[in-house]
């Protein structure tokens, strides 16, 4: 478990699945995900995700629940994937329940994941993929020291439009 001032990161538990399903079915949360989530995200989808976590871990995919300390409630999640130990790189992704946007939980989650990636996995570079209209996330990542490394033009289709995918990265200092 990785603990910050307002949140902590832990493994998902079976009792998280209903709340996670509700978060993933929130249109505003889903529209900023760089990976495709088919809506609605069903109870069966959540059960399958939970059952897949041990297999995902064997493939060096690390899933974390983001939990608010004061209420001990799940408010989002993050994943570390595409872990390449030889080249010392990985890709991270985050999502926060819309009700908790703008309260610093995302910032704290990124900082906690950086500690895990840089000092537990001993990875030297974290990559992020952000949809170009997710201005809030881009601003946060830049503030935390992530640099734009490139743009994939019209890479993501959402709401009848194509959006660029912004590639950012941060190196361990």
Protein backbone atom coordinates (compact mmCIF):
# COMPACT_ATOMS: atom_id res chain seq x y z
CA UNK A 1 0.00 0.00 0.00
CA UNK A 2 1.26 3.48 -0.91
CA UNK A 3 -0.03 6.28 1.29
CA UNK A 4 -0.26 10.01 0.72
CA UNK A 5 -1.87 12.87 2.60
CA UNK A 6 -5.43 12.39 1.26
CA UNK A 7 -5.37 9.04 -0.53
CA UNK A 8 -3.74 5.66 -0.60
CA UNK A 9 -3.18 3.14 -3.36
CA UNK A 10 -3.92 -0.52 -2.83
CA UNK A 11 -4.92 -3.62 -4.74
CA UNK A 12 -8.50 -3.85 -5.89
CA UNK A 13 -10.79 -5.89 -3.67
CA UNK A 14 -13.94 -7.68 -4.74
CA UNK A 15 -16.06 -5.20 -2.76
CA UNK A 16 -14.68 -2.38 -4.98
CA UNK A 17 -16.26 -3.77 -8.12
CA UNK A 18 -19.70 -2.11 -7.89
CA UNK A 19 -18.16 1.29 -7.23
CA UNK A 20 -15.60 0.74 -9.98
CA UNK A 21 -18.39 -0.18 -12.40
CA UNK A 22 -20.21 3.07 -11.55
CA UNK A 23 -17.07 5.14 -12.10
CA UNK A 24 -16.28 3.43 -15.42
CA UNK A 25 -19.88 3.93 -16.59
CA UNK A 26 -19.65 7.69 -15.99
CA UNK A 27 -19.61 9.24 -19.45
CA UNK A 28 -17.32 12.13 -18.45
CA UNK A 29 -14.73 9.76 -16.94
CA UNK A 30 -14.86 7.45 -19.94
CA UNK A 31 -14.48 10.21 -22.51
CA UNK A 32 -10.95 11.01 -21.26
CA UNK A 33 -9.65 7.43 -21.17
CA UNK A 34 -7.04 6.73 -23.83
CA UNK A 35 -8.13 3.10 -23.97
CA UNK A 36 -11.52 1.89 -25.13
CA UNK A 37 -14.14 0.96 -22.58
CA UNK A 38 -17.37 -0.39 -24.01
CA UNK A 39 -20.39 1.14 -22.30
CA UNK A 40 -22.20 0.09 -20.35
CA UNK A 41 -19.55 -1.64 -18.27
CA UNK A 42 -21.51 -4.55 -16.81
CA UNK A 43 -21.29 -6.45 -13.54
CA UNK A 44 -19.95 -9.37 -15.57
CA UNK A 45 -17.23 -7.12 -17.05
CA UNK A 46 -16.20 -6.10 -13.54
CA UNK A 47 -16.09 -9.71 -12.34
CA UNK A 48 -13.92 -10.64 -15.31
CA UNK A 49 -11.60 -7.70 -14.64
CA UNK A 50 -11.22 -8.68 -10.98
CA UNK A 51 -10.55 -12.32 -11.87
CA UNK A 52 -7.91 -11.22 -14.42
CA UNK A 53 -5.79 -9.23 -11.95
CA UNK A 54 -3.47 -12.15 -10.97
CA UNK A 55 -2.85 -12.95 -14.65
CA UNK A 56 -2.29 -9.27 -15.40
CA UNK A 57 0.31 -9.12 -12.61
CA UNK A 58 2.17 -12.06 -14.17
CA UNK A 59 2.37 -9.95 -17.34
CA UNK A 60 3.83 -7.01 -15.37
CA UNK A 61 0.59 -5.05 -15.39
CA UNK A 62 0.05 -3.37 -12.02
CA UNK A 63 -3.48 -2.26 -11.12
CA UNK A 64 -4.14 0.04 -8.16
CA UNK A 65 -7.31 1.28 -6.53
CA UNK A 66 -7.22 4.96 -5.51
CA UNK A 67 -8.89 5.26 -2.11
CA UNK A 68 -9.79 8.38 -0.14
CA UNK A 69 -8.37 8.12 3.37
CA UNK A 70 -11.09 10.09 5.17
CA UNK A 71 -13.97 7.92 3.92
CA UNK A 72 -12.02 4.80 2.91
CA UNK A 73 -13.89 4.82 -0.41
CA UNK A 74 -12.71 3.98 -3.90
CA UNK A 75 -12.51 7.12 -6.06
CA UNK A 76 -10.51 5.90 -9.04
CA UNK A 77 -7.75 3.72 -10.29
CA UNK A 78 -4.43 3.57 -12.03
CA UNK A 79 -2.54 1.04 -14.05
CA UNK A 80 1.12 0.53 -14.89
CA UNK A 81 1.46 -1.39 -18.15
CA UNK A 82 3.91 -1.99 -20.99
CA UNK A 83 6.64 -2.52 -18.38
CA UNK A 84 9.94 -3.05 -20.15
CA UNK A 85 12.61 -3.83 -17.57
CA UNK A 86 15.37 -4.11 -20.14
CA UNK A 87 14.83 -0.57 -21.41
CA UNK A 88 13.55 0.67 -18.03
CA UNK A 89 10.28 2.19 -19.29
CA UNK A 90 6.57 1.78 -18.62
CA UNK A 91 3.23 3.44 -19.35
CA UNK A 92 0.89 4.73 -16.64
CA UNK A 93 -2.79 5.58 -16.78
CA UNK A 94 -5.14 7.18 -14.24
CA UNK A 95 -8.84 7.83 -13.78
CA UNK A 96 -10.72 9.61 -11.00
CA UNK A 97 -14.47 9.65 -10.31
CA UNK A 98 -15.88 12.92 -11.67
CA UNK A 99 -17.18 13.88 -8.21
CA UNK A 100 -13.57 14.17 -7.00
CA UNK A 101 -12.03 16.15 -9.85
CA UNK A 102 -10.22 19.31 -8.79
CA UNK A 103 -9.43 18.25 -5.21
CA UNK A 104 -5.81 17.18 -5.65
CA UNK A 105 -6.46 13.43 -5.59
CA UNK A 106 -5.14 12.92 -9.12
CA UNK A 107 -1.96 14.83 -8.35
CA UNK A 108 -1.36 12.76 -5.26
CA UNK A 109 -2.03 9.51 -7.17
CA UNK A 110 0.55 10.44 -9.83
CA UNK A 111 3.16 11.23 -7.16
CA UNK A 112 2.52 7.92 -5.37
CA UNK A 113 2.73 5.94 -8.62
CA UNK A 114 6.00 7.68 -9.46
CA UNK A 115 7.45 6.45 -6.15
CA UNK A 116 6.33 2.91 -6.93
CA UNK A 117 7.64 2.95 -10.50
CA UNK A 118 10.92 4.74 -9.87
CA UNK A 119 11.90 3.14 -6.56
CA UNK A 120 10.11 -0.24 -6.38
CA UNK A 121 10.21 -1.29 -10.02
CA UNK A 122 13.47 0.63 -10.61
CA UNK A 123 12.14 2.04 -13.88
CA UNK A 124 13.75 5.23 -15.19
CA UNK A 125 10.99 6.55 -17.50
CA UNK A 126 7.21 6.79 -17.11
CA UNK A 127 5.17 7.42 -20.25
CA UNK A 128 1.62 8.78 -20.37
CA UNK A 129 -0.94 8.98 -23.17
CA UNK A 130 -3.46 11.83 -22.87
CA UNK A 131 -6.32 12.74 -25.18
CA UNK A 132 -5.74 16.27 -26.44
CA UNK A 133 -8.99 17.69 -25.06
CA UNK A 134 -8.18 16.53 -21.52
CA UNK A 135 -6.78 19.95 -20.64
CA UNK A 136 -6.98 19.37 -16.87
CA UNK A 137 -4.77 16.27 -17.07
CA UNK A 138 -2.27 17.86 -19.47
CA UNK A 139 -1.90 20.84 -17.15
CA UNK A 140 -1.36 18.58 -14.13
CA UNK A 141 1.21 16.36 -15.83
CA UNK A 142 3.19 19.34 -17.10
CA UNK A 143 3.12 20.86 -13.61
CA UNK A 144 4.54 17.58 -12.25
CA UNK A 145 7.44 17.66 -14.71
CA UNK A 146 6.17 15.54 -17.59
CA UNK A 147 7.34 16.67 -21.04
CA UNK A 148 5.56 16.22 -24.34
CA UNK A 149 7.45 13.75 -26.50
CA UNK A 150 5.07 13.61 -29.42
CA UNK A 151 1.56 13.71 -30.79
CA UNK A 152 -0.35 10.99 -32.60
CA UNK A 153 -2.73 12.88 -34.87
CA UNK A 154 -6.44 11.95 -34.83
CA UNK A 155 -5.67 8.76 -32.90
CA UNK A 156 -8.74 8.53 -30.63
CA UNK A 157 -12.36 8.55 -31.74
CA UNK A 158 -14.86 9.97 -29.20
CA UNK A 159 -18.28 11.57 -29.58
CA UNK A 160 -18.18 11.53 -33.37
CA UNK A 161 -14.76 13.25 -33.54
CA UNK A 162 -11.13 12.23 -33.76
CA UNK A 163 -8.70 13.60 -31.17
CA UNK A 164 -4.92 13.71 -30.98
CA UNK A 165 -3.15 11.53 -28.44
CA UNK A 166 -0.45 13.46 -26.60
CA UNK A 167 2.57 11.40 -25.51
CA UNK A 168 4.30 12.63 -22.36
CA UNK A 169 7.13 11.24 -20.25
CA UNK A 170 9.06 11.86 -17.07
CA UNK A 171 12.48 10.53 -16.11
CA UNK A 172 13.63 9.53 -12.65
CA UNK A 173 15.88 12.25 -11.28
